[in-house]
Amino acid sequence: MSDVRPAESDVVDLSSTTPALTPARSPRSRGGNAMGRSRAAALEGARRVFAENGIRKASMGDVAVRGGLAKATLYNHFRTKDGLIAGLVADDVTELTSDCCDLARDDLATALTRAADAVSQHPVLVGLRKVEPTALLAAASPGEGTTWTTIRAQVALVLDAADVSSSDDCVDLVCRWLASHATSPGTSTARAAQARVMAAGLPLAIRTTSFATPVS
């Protein structure tokens, strides 16, 4: 029997086809990651500019430069400086809430101390105390609007995690205490002591249990 060999064109080079075994990432996935990176860069640029120049003197152009972005890219994410501030607060508060919820399940005082430390040491607030202290007045007094609604919702999550009351009054009390650290950070020892008092004074959550109506 003759030795039949496949034609050279019929031979499959597995080494050359290996990359095809891994599905290519979709353009949408790549685009989503790029948007996430540029948004994070915009927020980091905002942190630097607000801390160094204050909010009043900061411009969207400054933020774009410090974030390493084209101004058009920045505007794709945030149309105004107020929108940029709201985005910065929302991102930072949401990240902090995740940490605090984990801590609150074991010890609410520890979680409150973590939150107070974050407010006291936030780079933007630290910078504003030096270059534009009047800008801190709004941060030091809980009010209305989207930003404070976001903060209140996140504080309620932490209180829920600790199984204490997340009523409007309790949430507002914690918000006012945390907000006071924007202008008067105090010492770490004082913040921890105040957190213990705050945690001890909050009432436990009232849980109701519903029972199925017995079938007659």
N, C-alpha and C. Protein backbone atom coordinates (compact mmCIF):
# COMPACT_ATOMS: atom_id res chain seq x y z
N MET A 1 0.87 -1.20 0.00
CA MET A 1 0.00 0.00 0.00
C MET A 1 0.89 1.24 0.00
N SER A 2 0.56 2.20 -0.85
CA SER A 2 1.40 3.39 -0.94
C SER A 2 1.23 4.25 0.29
N ASP A 3 2.27 4.96 0.62
CA ASP A 3 2.25 5.85 1.78
C ASP A 3 1.56 7.14 1.40
N VAL A 4 0.32 7.31 1.85
CA VAL A 4 -0.45 8.50 1.48
C VAL A 4 -0.24 9.58 2.52
N ARG A 5 0.23 10.70 2.09
CA ARG A 5 0.43 11.84 3.00
C ARG A 5 -0.54 12.95 2.65
N PRO A 6 -1.06 13.61 3.64
CA PRO A 6 -1.99 14.72 3.33
C PRO A 6 -1.27 15.85 2.64
N ALA A 7 -1.99 16.50 1.81
CA ALA A 7 -1.41 17.66 1.14
C ALA A 7 -1.06 18.71 2.18
N GLU A 8 -0.05 19.50 1.86
CA GLU A 8 0.40 20.50 2.84
C GLU A 8 -0.70 21.43 3.25
N SER A 9 -1.63 21.72 2.33
CA SER A 9 -2.73 22.64 2.64
C SER A 9 -3.74 22.03 3.58
N ASP A 10 -3.73 20.62 3.72
CA ASP A 10 -4.70 19.97 4.58
C ASP A 10 -4.21 19.84 6.01
N VAL A 11 -2.94 20.12 6.26
CA VAL A 11 -2.38 19.97 7.59
C VAL A 11 -2.78 21.16 8.45
N VAL A 12 -3.34 20.87 9.63
CA VAL A 12 -3.78 21.93 10.54
C VAL A 12 -2.68 22.21 11.54
N ASP A 13 -2.21 23.43 11.60
CA ASP A 13 -1.19 23.84 12.56
C ASP A 13 -1.90 24.31 13.83
N LEU A 14 -1.94 23.42 14.85
CA LEU A 14 -2.67 23.75 16.07
C LEU A 14 -2.08 24.97 16.77
N SER A 15 -0.78 25.14 16.67
CA SER A 15 -0.17 26.28 17.34
C SER A 15 -0.66 27.58 16.77
N SER A 16 -0.96 27.60 15.48
CA SER A 16 -1.40 28.85 14.87
C SER A 16 -2.87 29.12 15.13
N THR A 17 -3.64 28.07 15.51
CA THR A 17 -5.06 28.29 15.74
C THR A 17 -5.41 28.41 17.21
N THR A 18 -4.43 28.23 18.10
CA THR A 18 -4.71 28.28 19.53
C THR A 18 -5.41 29.55 19.96
N PRO A 19 -4.99 30.74 19.49
CA PRO A 19 -5.69 31.96 19.92
C PRO A 19 -7.18 31.93 19.63
N ALA A 20 -7.57 31.22 18.56
CA ALA A 20 -8.98 31.19 18.21
C ALA A 20 -9.80 30.39 19.20
N LEU A 21 -9.12 29.55 20.03
CA LEU A 21 -9.84 28.76 21.01
C LEU A 21 -10.39 29.63 22.13
N THR A 22 -9.82 30.81 22.33
CA THR A 22 -10.30 31.76 23.34
C THR A 22 -11.19 32.79 22.67
N PRO A 23 -12.47 32.85 23.04
CA PRO A 23 -13.37 33.81 22.39
C PRO A 23 -12.86 35.23 22.53
N ALA A 24 -12.92 35.96 21.45
CA ALA A 24 -12.49 37.36 21.47
C ALA A 24 -13.47 38.18 22.30
N ARG A 25 -12.97 39.16 23.03
CA ARG A 25 -13.84 40.02 23.81
C ARG A 25 -14.64 40.90 22.87
N SER A 26 -15.88 41.04 23.20
CA SER A 26 -16.75 41.82 22.34
C SER A 26 -16.38 43.28 22.38
N PRO A 27 -16.64 44.00 21.29
CA PRO A 27 -16.38 45.45 21.29
C PRO A 27 -17.11 46.16 22.42
N ARG A 28 -18.31 45.66 22.77
CA ARG A 28 -19.06 46.30 23.86
C ARG A 28 -18.33 46.15 25.18
N SER A 29 -17.75 44.95 25.42
CA SER A 29 -17.00 44.72 26.66
C SER A 29 -15.79 45.62 26.74
N ARG A 30 -15.06 45.70 25.62
CA ARG A 30 -13.88 46.57 25.61
C ARG A 30 -14.28 48.02 25.82
N GLY A 31 -15.37 48.42 25.17
CA GLY A 31 -15.82 49.80 25.32
C GLY A 31 -16.26 50.11 26.73
N GLY A 32 -16.94 49.11 27.37
CA GLY A 32 -17.38 49.32 28.75
C GLY A 32 -16.22 49.49 29.70
N ASN A 33 -15.16 48.69 29.51
CA ASN A 33 -13.98 48.81 30.36
C ASN A 33 -13.30 50.15 30.16
N ALA A 34 -13.23 50.58 28.91
CA ALA A 34 -12.60 51.87 28.61
C ALA A 34 -13.39 53.01 29.25
N MET A 35 -14.72 52.92 29.22
CA MET A 35 -15.54 53.95 29.85
C MET A 35 -15.33 53.97 31.35
N GLY A 36 -15.22 52.77 31.93
CA GLY A 36 -14.98 52.70 33.37
C GLY A 36 -13.65 53.30 33.76
N ARG A 37 -12.63 53.04 32.95
CA ARG A 37 -11.30 53.60 33.25
C ARG A 37 -11.29 55.11 33.10
N SER A 38 -11.93 55.62 32.07
CA SER A 38 -11.92 57.07 31.86
C SER A 38 -12.75 57.77 32.94
N ARG A 39 -13.83 57.12 33.39
CA ARG A 39 -14.63 57.71 34.46
C ARG A 39 -13.82 57.77 35.76
N ALA A 40 -13.11 56.67 36.05
CA ALA A 40 -12.27 56.64 37.26
C ALA A 40 -11.18 57.70 37.17
N ALA A 41 -10.62 57.90 35.98
CA ALA A 41 -9.59 58.92 35.79
C ALA A 41 -10.17 60.32 36.00
N ALA A 42 -11.40 60.53 35.55
CA ALA A 42 -12.05 61.83 35.75
C ALA A 42 -12.24 62.11 37.23
N LEU A 43 -12.68 61.12 37.98
CA LEU A 43 -12.91 61.32 39.41
C LEU A 43 -11.58 61.53 40.15
N GLU A 44 -10.54 60.84 39.74
CA GLU A 44 -9.23 61.04 40.38
C GLU A 44 -8.71 62.44 40.07
N GLY A 45 -8.91 62.90 38.84
CA GLY A 45 -8.53 64.26 38.51
C GLY A 45 -9.29 65.28 39.33
N ALA A 46 -10.57 65.01 39.58
CA ALA A 46 -11.38 65.92 40.40
C ALA A 46 -10.87 65.96 41.83
N ARG A 47 -10.52 64.80 42.38
CA ARG A 47 -10.00 64.78 43.75
C ARG A 47 -8.77 65.67 43.87
N ARG A 48 -7.89 65.58 42.91
CA ARG A 48 -6.64 66.35 42.96
C ARG A 48 -6.90 67.84 42.81
N VAL A 49 -7.73 68.19 41.85
CA VAL A 49 -7.99 69.61 41.59
C VAL A 49 -8.75 70.25 42.74
N PHE A 50 -9.79 69.60 43.24
CA PHE A 50 -10.56 70.17 44.34
C PHE A 50 -9.70 70.32 45.59
N ALA A 51 -8.84 69.34 45.85
CA ALA A 51 -8.00 69.40 47.04
C ALA A 51 -6.96 70.52 46.93
N GLU A 52 -6.46 70.77 45.73
CA GLU A 52 -5.39 71.75 45.55
C GLU A 52 -5.90 73.16 45.32
N ASN A 53 -7.01 73.29 44.58
CA ASN A 53 -7.48 74.62 44.17
C ASN A 53 -8.79 75.04 44.81
N GLY A 54 -9.47 74.11 45.45
CA GLY A 54 -10.81 74.41 45.93
C GLY A 54 -11.82 74.14 44.85
N ILE A 55 -13.08 74.23 45.21
CA ILE A 55 -14.14 73.95 44.24
C ILE A 55 -14.46 75.15 43.38
N ARG A 56 -14.50 76.33 43.98
CA ARG A 56 -14.89 77.53 43.23
C ARG A 56 -13.93 77.81 42.09
N LYS A 57 -12.63 77.65 42.31
CA LYS A 57 -11.64 77.97 41.29
C LYS A 57 -11.37 76.81 40.33
N ALA A 58 -11.86 75.64 40.67
CA ALA A 58 -11.62 74.48 39.81
C ALA A 58 -12.41 74.60 38.51
N SER A 59 -11.82 74.17 37.43
CA SER A 59 -12.51 74.16 36.14
C SER A 59 -12.53 72.74 35.58
N MET A 60 -13.46 72.50 34.69
CA MET A 60 -13.53 71.18 34.06
C MET A 60 -12.26 70.91 33.26
N GLY A 61 -11.68 71.96 32.70
CA GLY A 61 -10.42 71.80 31.97
C GLY A 61 -9.30 71.33 32.88
N ASP A 62 -9.24 71.90 34.09
CA ASP A 62 -8.23 71.47 35.07
C ASP A 62 -8.40 69.99 35.41
N VAL A 63 -9.65 69.60 35.61
CA VAL A 63 -9.93 68.21 35.98
C VAL A 63 -9.51 67.27 34.85
N ALA A 64 -9.80 67.65 33.61
CA ALA A 64 -9.43 66.82 32.47
C ALA A 64 -7.91 66.65 32.40
N VAL A 65 -7.17 67.74 32.59
CA VAL A 65 -5.71 67.68 32.52
C VAL A 65 -5.16 66.79 33.62
N ARG A 66 -5.63 66.97 34.85
CA ARG A 66 -5.12 66.17 35.97
C ARG A 66 -5.54 64.72 35.88
N GLY A 67 -6.65 64.46 35.18
CA GLY A 67 -7.09 63.09 34.98
C GLY A 67 -6.50 62.43 33.76
N GLY A 68 -5.73 63.21 32.98
CA GLY A 68 -5.12 62.68 31.77
C GLY A 68 -6.13 62.37 30.68
N LEU A 69 -7.17 63.22 30.61
CA LEU A 69 -8.25 62.99 29.67
C LEU A 69 -8.43 64.16 28.73
N ALA A 70 -9.01 63.91 27.57
CA ALA A 70 -9.47 64.99 26.72
C ALA A 70 -10.71 65.59 27.37
N LYS A 71 -10.90 66.88 27.18
CA LYS A 71 -12.06 67.52 27.81
C LYS A 71 -13.36 66.90 27.32
N ALA A 72 -13.41 66.52 26.04
CA ALA A 72 -14.61 65.89 25.50
C ALA A 72 -14.93 64.58 26.21
N THR A 73 -13.89 63.83 26.57
CA THR A 73 -14.09 62.57 27.29
C THR A 73 -14.66 62.83 28.67
N LEU A 74 -14.14 63.86 29.33
CA LEU A 74 -14.68 64.22 30.65
C LEU A 74 -16.16 64.57 30.55
N TYR A 75 -16.52 65.35 29.53
CA TYR A 75 -17.92 65.75 29.38
C TYR A 75 -18.83 64.59 29.00
N ASN A 76 -18.26 63.52 28.47
CA ASN A 76 -19.06 62.33 28.21
C ASN A 76 -19.59 61.72 29.50
N HIS A 77 -18.84 61.91 30.58
CA HIS A 77 -19.22 61.35 31.87
C HIS A 77 -19.95 62.37 32.74
N PHE A 78 -19.47 63.59 32.77
CA PHE A 78 -20.01 64.61 33.66
C PHE A 78 -20.17 65.92 32.89
N ARG A 79 -21.40 66.37 32.81
CA ARG A 79 -21.68 67.57 32.00
C ARG A 79 -21.37 68.86 32.75
N THR A 80 -21.41 68.82 34.07
CA THR A 80 -21.19 70.03 34.86
C THR A 80 -20.29 69.71 36.06
N LYS A 81 -19.79 70.75 36.68
CA LYS A 81 -18.97 70.57 37.88
C LYS A 81 -19.82 70.00 39.02
N ASP A 82 -21.08 70.42 39.11
CA ASP A 82 -21.96 69.86 40.13
C ASP A 82 -22.16 68.37 39.92
N GLY A 83 -22.30 67.97 38.67
CA GLY A 83 -22.44 66.55 38.37
C GLY A 83 -21.19 65.77 38.74
N LEU A 84 -20.05 66.39 38.53
CA LEU A 84 -18.78 65.76 38.89
C LEU A 84 -18.67 65.58 40.41
N ILE A 85 -19.07 66.59 41.15
CA ILE A 85 -19.04 66.51 42.61
C ILE A 85 -19.98 65.40 43.09
N ALA A 86 -21.18 65.35 42.51
CA ALA A 86 -22.15 64.32 42.90
C ALA A 86 -21.61 62.92 42.59
N GLY A 87 -20.96 62.77 41.45
CA GLY A 87 -20.39 61.48 41.10
C GLY A 87 -19.27 61.08 42.03
N LEU A 88 -18.45 62.04 42.41
CA LEU A 88 -17.35 61.77 43.33
C LEU A 88 -17.88 61.32 44.70
N VAL A 89 -18.88 62.04 45.20
CA VAL A 89 -19.46 61.69 46.50
C VAL A 89 -20.10 60.30 46.44
N ALA A 90 -20.87 60.05 45.39
CA ALA A 90 -21.57 58.77 45.26
C ALA A 90 -20.59 57.60 45.23
N ASP A 91 -19.51 57.73 44.45
CA ASP A 91 -18.53 56.65 44.36
C ASP A 91 -17.82 56.41 45.68
N ASP A 92 -17.36 57.49 46.31
CA ASP A 92 -16.61 57.34 47.55
C ASP A 92 -17.48 56.82 48.68
N VAL A 93 -18.71 57.32 48.76
CA VAL A 93 -19.61 56.90 49.83
C VAL A 93 -20.02 55.44 49.64
N THR A 94 -20.28 55.04 48.41
CA THR A 94 -20.67 53.65 48.15
C THR A 94 -19.54 52.69 48.52
N GLU A 95 -18.31 53.05 48.16
CA GLU A 95 -17.17 52.20 48.51
C GLU A 95 -16.98 52.11 50.02
N LEU A 96 -17.13 53.25 50.70
CA LEU A 96 -17.00 53.28 52.15
C LEU A 96 -18.10 52.45 52.81
N THR A 97 -19.31 52.52 52.27
CA THR A 97 -20.43 51.78 52.84
C THR A 97 -20.16 50.28 52.82
N SER A 98 -19.57 49.80 51.75
CA SER A 98 -19.26 48.37 51.66
C SER A 98 -18.37 47.93 52.82
N ASP A 99 -17.33 48.72 53.11
CA ASP A 99 -16.44 48.41 54.23
C ASP A 99 -17.19 48.48 55.56
N CYS A 100 -17.98 49.53 55.71
CA CYS A 100 -18.66 49.75 56.99
C CYS A 100 -19.73 48.70 57.27
N CYS A 101 -20.41 48.23 56.24
CA CYS A 101 -21.43 47.19 56.45
C CYS A 101 -20.77 45.91 56.97
N ASP A 102 -19.62 45.57 56.42
CA ASP A 102 -18.91 44.38 56.89
C ASP A 102 -18.53 44.53 58.37
N LEU A 103 -18.06 45.71 58.74
CA LEU A 103 -17.66 45.96 60.13
C LEU A 103 -18.87 46.02 61.05
N ALA A 104 -19.96 46.60 60.57
CA ALA A 104 -21.14 46.81 61.41
C ALA A 104 -21.79 45.50 61.83
N ARG A 105 -21.62 44.46 61.04
CA ARG A 105 -22.21 43.17 61.40
C ARG A 105 -21.60 42.62 62.69
N ASP A 106 -20.37 43.03 62.97
CA ASP A 106 -19.70 42.59 64.19
C ASP A 106 -19.74 43.65 65.28
N ASP A 107 -19.53 44.92 64.87
CA ASP A 107 -19.46 45.99 65.88
C ASP A 107 -19.76 47.33 65.22
N LEU A 108 -20.90 47.90 65.53
CA LEU A 108 -21.30 49.16 64.92
C LEU A 108 -20.34 50.28 65.25
N ALA A 109 -19.82 50.31 66.47
CA ALA A 109 -18.89 51.38 66.86
C ALA A 109 -17.66 51.39 65.96
N THR A 110 -17.16 50.22 65.63
CA THR A 110 -16.00 50.13 64.74
C THR A 110 -16.35 50.67 63.36
N ALA A 111 -17.55 50.34 62.88
CA ALA A 111 -17.98 50.83 61.57
C ALA A 111 -18.12 52.35 61.56
N LEU A 112 -18.71 52.90 62.63
CA LEU A 112 -18.87 54.35 62.70
C LEU A 112 -17.53 55.06 62.81
N THR A 113 -16.60 54.45 63.52
CA THR A 113 -15.25 55.02 63.60
C THR A 113 -14.60 55.04 62.23
N ARG A 114 -14.76 53.95 61.50
CA ARG A 114 -14.20 53.88 60.13
C ARG A 114 -14.78 54.97 59.26
N ALA A 115 -16.09 55.19 59.36
CA ALA A 115 -16.73 56.23 58.55
C ALA A 115 -16.26 57.62 58.95
N ALA A 116 -16.17 57.88 60.24
CA ALA A 116 -15.72 59.19 60.72
C ALA A 116 -14.28 59.45 60.31
N ASP A 117 -13.45 58.43 60.37
CA ASP A 117 -12.05 58.58 59.94
C ASP A 117 -11.99 58.92 58.45
N ALA A 118 -12.84 58.26 57.66
CA ALA A 118 -12.83 58.51 56.22
C ALA A 118 -13.23 59.94 55.89
N VAL A 119 -14.24 60.45 56.61
CA VAL A 119 -14.66 61.84 56.39
C VAL A 119 -13.54 62.79 56.82
N SER A 120 -12.98 62.55 57.97
CA SER A 120 -11.94 63.44 58.51
C SER A 120 -10.71 63.50 57.62
N GLN A 121 -10.37 62.36 57.02
CA GLN A 121 -9.12 62.26 56.28
C GLN A 121 -9.29 62.27 54.76
N HIS A 122 -10.52 62.50 54.30
CA HIS A 122 -10.73 62.53 52.85
C HIS A 122 -9.87 63.62 52.23
N PRO A 123 -9.11 63.29 51.18
CA PRO A 123 -8.17 64.27 50.63
C PRO A 123 -8.81 65.56 50.15
N VAL A 124 -10.02 65.48 49.62
CA VAL A 124 -10.68 66.71 49.17
C VAL A 124 -11.05 67.58 50.36
N LEU A 125 -11.60 66.99 51.40
CA LEU A 125 -11.98 67.77 52.58
C LEU A 125 -10.76 68.34 53.29
N VAL A 126 -9.69 67.55 53.35
CA VAL A 126 -8.45 68.05 53.95
C VAL A 126 -7.94 69.26 53.18
N GLY A 127 -7.98 69.18 51.84
CA GLY A 127 -7.52 70.28 51.02
C GLY A 127 -8.40 71.51 51.16
N LEU A 128 -9.71 71.29 51.19
CA LEU A 128 -10.64 72.42 51.29
C LEU A 128 -10.50 73.16 52.62
N ARG A 129 -10.15 72.48 53.67
CA ARG A 129 -9.94 73.16 54.95
C ARG A 129 -8.85 74.22 54.83
N LYS A 130 -7.93 74.02 53.90
CA LYS A 130 -6.81 74.95 53.74
C LYS A 130 -7.09 76.03 52.69
N VAL A 131 -7.67 75.61 51.55
CA VAL A 131 -7.78 76.55 50.43
C VAL A 131 -9.16 77.18 50.27
N GLU A 132 -10.22 76.53 50.76
CA GLU A 132 -11.57 77.08 50.60
C GLU A 132 -12.48 76.55 51.70
N PRO A 133 -12.24 76.96 52.93
CA PRO A 133 -13.03 76.42 54.05
C PRO A 133 -14.52 76.69 53.95
N THR A 134 -14.90 77.78 53.28
CA THR A 134 -16.33 78.09 53.17
C THR A 134 -17.07 77.02 52.35
N ALA A 135 -16.36 76.31 51.50
CA ALA A 135 -17.00 75.27 50.69
C ALA A 135 -17.44 74.09 51.54
N LEU A 136 -16.92 74.00 52.76
CA LEU A 136 -17.26 72.89 53.65
C LEU A 136 -18.57 73.10 54.38
N LEU A 137 -19.13 74.30 54.31
CA LEU A 137 -20.36 74.57 55.03
C LEU A 137 -21.49 73.66 54.57
N ALA A 138 -21.57 73.44 53.25
CA ALA A 138 -22.62 72.56 52.73
C ALA A 138 -22.40 71.11 53.14
N ALA A 139 -21.12 70.72 53.24
CA ALA A 139 -20.81 69.34 53.62
C ALA A 139 -21.05 69.09 55.09
N ALA A 140 -20.97 70.14 55.89
CA ALA A 140 -21.07 69.99 57.34
C ALA A 140 -22.50 70.00 57.85
N SER A 141 -23.46 70.23 56.97
CA SER A 141 -24.86 70.31 57.40
C SER A 141 -25.74 69.53 56.44
N PRO A 142 -26.21 68.36 56.85
CA PRO A 142 -27.07 67.55 55.97
C PRO A 142 -28.28 68.34 55.49
N GLY A 143 -28.54 68.23 54.21
CA GLY A 143 -29.66 68.97 53.64
C GLY A 143 -30.44 68.11 52.67
N GLU A 144 -30.99 68.75 51.65
CA GLU A 144 -31.78 68.05 50.66
C GLU A 144 -30.95 67.86 49.39
N GLY A 145 -31.55 67.23 48.41
CA GLY A 145 -30.87 67.04 47.14
C GLY A 145 -30.37 65.61 46.95
N THR A 146 -29.92 65.35 45.73
CA THR A 146 -29.52 63.99 45.35
C THR A 146 -28.36 63.48 46.18
N THR A 147 -27.37 64.35 46.43
CA THR A 147 -26.18 63.91 47.16
C THR A 147 -26.51 63.45 48.57
N TRP A 148 -27.30 64.23 49.29
CA TRP A 148 -27.65 63.86 50.66
C TRP A 148 -28.61 62.67 50.68
N THR A 149 -29.44 62.54 49.66
CA THR A 149 -30.30 61.37 49.57
C THR A 149 -29.46 60.10 49.44
N THR A 150 -28.40 60.19 48.63
CA THR A 150 -27.48 59.06 48.47
C THR A 150 -26.79 58.72 49.78
N ILE A 151 -26.31 59.75 50.47
CA ILE A 151 -25.61 59.52 51.73
C ILE A 151 -26.54 58.90 52.77
N ARG A 152 -27.75 59.41 52.88
CA ARG A 152 -28.69 58.87 53.86
C ARG A 152 -29.00 57.40 53.56
N ALA A 153 -29.16 57.08 52.29
CA ALA A 153 -29.46 55.69 51.93
C ALA A 153 -28.31 54.76 52.31
N GLN A 154 -27.08 55.22 52.14
CA GLN A 154 -25.93 54.40 52.47
C GLN A 154 -25.78 54.24 54.00
N VAL A 155 -26.04 55.30 54.74
CA VAL A 155 -26.00 55.21 56.21
C VAL A 155 -27.06 54.22 56.70
N ALA A 156 -28.23 54.24 56.09
CA ALA A 156 -29.29 53.30 56.47
C ALA A 156 -28.84 51.85 56.26
N LEU A 157 -28.10 51.60 55.21
CA LEU A 157 -27.60 50.25 54.96
C LEU A 157 -26.66 49.78 56.07
N VAL A 158 -25.82 50.70 56.54
CA VAL A 158 -24.89 50.35 57.62
C VAL A 158 -25.66 50.06 58.90
N LEU A 159 -26.65 50.87 59.22
CA LEU A 159 -27.45 50.63 60.42
C LEU A 159 -28.22 49.31 60.31
N ASP A 160 -28.72 49.03 59.15
CA ASP A 160 -29.42 47.75 58.95
C ASP A 160 -28.48 46.57 59.17
N ALA A 161 -27.24 46.73 58.69
CA ALA A 161 -26.27 45.64 58.84
C ALA A 161 -25.97 45.38 60.32
N ALA A 162 -26.07 46.42 61.13
CA ALA A 162 -25.81 46.28 62.57
C ALA A 162 -27.06 45.88 63.34
N ASP A 163 -28.18 45.76 62.62
CA ASP A 163 -29.46 45.40 63.24
C ASP A 163 -29.93 46.43 64.25
N VAL A 164 -29.66 47.70 63.95
CA VAL A 164 -30.22 48.79 64.76
C VAL A 164 -31.19 49.56 63.88
N SER A 165 -31.96 50.43 64.50
CA SER A 165 -32.99 51.15 63.78
C SER A 165 -32.39 52.04 62.68
N SER A 166 -32.98 51.95 61.50
CA SER A 166 -32.58 52.83 60.40
C SER A 166 -33.70 53.82 60.09
N SER A 167 -34.40 54.24 61.14
CA SER A 167 -35.46 55.23 60.97
C SER A 167 -34.85 56.54 60.48
N ASP A 168 -35.69 57.41 59.98
CA ASP A 168 -35.21 58.70 59.47
C ASP A 168 -34.45 59.47 60.55
N ASP A 169 -34.98 59.43 61.78
CA ASP A 169 -34.34 60.17 62.88
C ASP A 169 -32.95 59.61 63.18
N CYS A 170 -32.83 58.28 63.20
CA CYS A 170 -31.53 57.67 63.50
C CYS A 170 -30.53 57.93 62.38
N VAL A 171 -30.98 57.81 61.15
CA VAL A 171 -30.11 58.08 60.01
C VAL A 171 -29.64 59.53 60.03
N ASP A 172 -30.57 60.44 60.30
CA ASP A 172 -30.21 61.86 60.32
C ASP A 172 -29.22 62.17 61.44
N LEU A 173 -29.38 61.52 62.59
CA LEU A 173 -28.47 61.72 63.70
C LEU A 173 -27.05 61.30 63.32
N VAL A 174 -26.93 60.13 62.70
CA VAL A 174 -25.60 59.64 62.28
C VAL A 174 -25.01 60.54 61.19
N CYS A 175 -25.85 60.97 60.27
CA CYS A 175 -25.37 61.85 59.19
C CYS A 175 -24.81 63.16 59.76
N ARG A 176 -25.52 63.73 60.71
CA ARG A 176 -25.06 65.00 61.29
C ARG A 176 -23.75 64.81 62.04
N TRP A 177 -23.63 63.70 62.74
CA TRP A 177 -22.39 63.43 63.46
C TRP A 177 -21.22 63.24 62.48
N LEU A 178 -21.44 62.47 61.45
CA LEU A 178 -20.37 62.25 60.46
C LEU A 178 -20.02 63.55 59.74
N ALA A 179 -21.04 64.32 59.37
CA ALA A 179 -20.80 65.56 58.64
C ALA A 179 -19.99 66.56 59.45
N SER A 180 -20.12 66.51 60.77
CA SER A 180 -19.38 67.46 61.61
C SER A 180 -17.87 67.29 61.46
N HIS A 181 -17.45 66.11 61.04
CA HIS A 181 -16.01 65.85 60.90
C HIS A 181 -15.43 66.48 59.64
N ALA A 182 -16.29 66.99 58.77
CA ALA A 182 -15.79 67.67 57.58
C ALA A 182 -15.06 68.95 57.97
N THR A 183 -15.59 69.65 58.97
CA THR A 183 -14.97 70.91 59.40
C THR A 183 -14.16 70.75 60.68
N SER A 184 -14.56 69.80 61.53
CA SER A 184 -13.87 69.61 62.81
C SER A 184 -13.49 68.14 62.97
N PRO A 185 -12.40 67.73 62.35
CA PRO A 185 -12.05 66.30 62.34
C PRO A 185 -11.70 65.74 63.70
N GLY A 186 -11.16 66.55 64.61
CA GLY A 186 -10.79 66.04 65.92
C GLY A 186 -9.65 65.04 65.83
N THR A 187 -9.53 64.21 66.85
CA THR A 187 -8.48 63.20 66.89
C THR A 187 -9.08 61.81 66.69
N SER A 188 -8.25 60.86 66.33
CA SER A 188 -8.74 59.50 66.14
C SER A 188 -9.30 58.93 67.44
N THR A 189 -8.68 59.27 68.56
CA THR A 189 -9.18 58.79 69.86
C THR A 189 -10.56 59.36 70.16
N ALA A 190 -10.74 60.64 69.88
CA ALA A 190 -12.03 61.28 70.13
C ALA A 190 -13.10 60.70 69.21
N ARG A 191 -12.75 60.45 67.94
CA ARG A 191 -13.74 59.89 67.02
C ARG A 191 -14.19 58.50 67.47
N ALA A 192 -13.25 57.69 67.92
CA ALA A 192 -13.59 56.34 68.38
C ALA A 192 -14.49 56.38 69.61
N ALA A 193 -14.18 57.31 70.52
CA ALA A 193 -14.99 57.43 71.74
C ALA A 193 -16.40 57.89 71.41
N GLN A 194 -16.52 58.86 70.52
CA GLN A 194 -17.84 59.34 70.12
C GLN A 194 -18.62 58.24 69.40
N ALA A 195 -17.93 57.45 68.60
CA ALA A 195 -18.59 56.36 67.87
C ALA A 195 -19.18 55.34 68.84
N ARG A 196 -18.47 55.06 69.91
CA ARG A 196 -18.98 54.10 70.90
C ARG A 196 -20.24 54.63 71.56
N VAL A 197 -20.24 55.92 71.88
CA VAL A 197 -21.41 56.52 72.49
C VAL A 197 -22.59 56.51 71.51
N MET A 198 -22.31 56.86 70.27
CA MET A 198 -23.35 56.87 69.23
C MET A 198 -23.94 55.49 69.05
N ALA A 199 -23.09 54.48 68.94
CA ALA A 199 -23.57 53.12 68.71
C ALA A 199 -24.41 52.62 69.88
N ALA A 200 -23.99 52.96 71.09
CA ALA A 200 -24.72 52.51 72.28
C ALA A 200 -26.07 53.18 72.41
N GLY A 201 -26.21 54.39 71.86
CA GLY A 201 -27.44 55.14 72.01
C GLY A 201 -28.50 54.86 70.97
N LEU A 202 -28.14 54.15 69.90
CA LEU A 202 -29.11 53.88 68.84
C LEU A 202 -29.99 52.68 69.22
N PRO A 203 -31.28 52.80 69.05
CA PRO A 203 -32.17 51.69 69.42
C PRO A 203 -32.04 50.52 68.45
N LEU A 204 -32.33 49.34 68.96
CA LEU A 204 -32.31 48.16 68.10
C LEU A 204 -33.45 48.24 67.09
N ALA A 205 -33.23 47.59 65.98
CA ALA A 205 -34.27 47.54 64.95
C ALA A 205 -35.45 46.72 65.46
N ILE A 206 -36.63 47.14 65.07
CA ILE A 206 -37.85 46.39 65.43
C ILE A 206 -38.19 45.49 64.26
N ARG A 207 -38.08 44.21 64.46
CA ARG A 207 -38.38 43.25 63.41
C ARG A 207 -39.75 42.63 63.66
N THR A 208 -40.56 42.61 62.66
CA THR A 208 -41.87 41.99 62.78
C THR A 208 -41.86 40.67 62.04
N THR A 209 -42.50 39.70 62.62
CA THR A 209 -42.59 38.38 62.00
C THR A 209 -44.03 38.10 61.64
N SER A 210 -44.23 37.77 60.39
CA SER A 210 -45.60 37.46 59.96
C SER A 210 -45.79 35.96 59.96
N PHE A 211 -46.94 35.55 60.44
CA PHE A 211 -47.26 34.11 60.49
C PHE A 211 -48.38 33.83 59.51
N ALA A 212 -48.26 32.70 58.88
CA ALA A 212 -49.30 32.31 57.92
C ALA A 212 -50.59 32.02 58.66
N THR A 213 -51.70 32.40 58.08
CA THR A 213 -53.00 32.11 58.68
C THR A 213 -53.29 30.62 58.59
N PRO A 214 -53.56 30.00 59.72
CA PRO A 214 -53.81 28.55 59.68
C PRO A 214 -55.01 28.21 58.82
N VAL A 215 -54.88 27.12 58.13
CA VAL A 215 -55.97 26.67 57.26
C VAL A 215 -57.00 25.97 58.12
N SER A 216 -58.26 26.41 58.04
CA SER A 216 -59.32 25.81 58.85
C SER A 216 -59.81 24.50 58.22
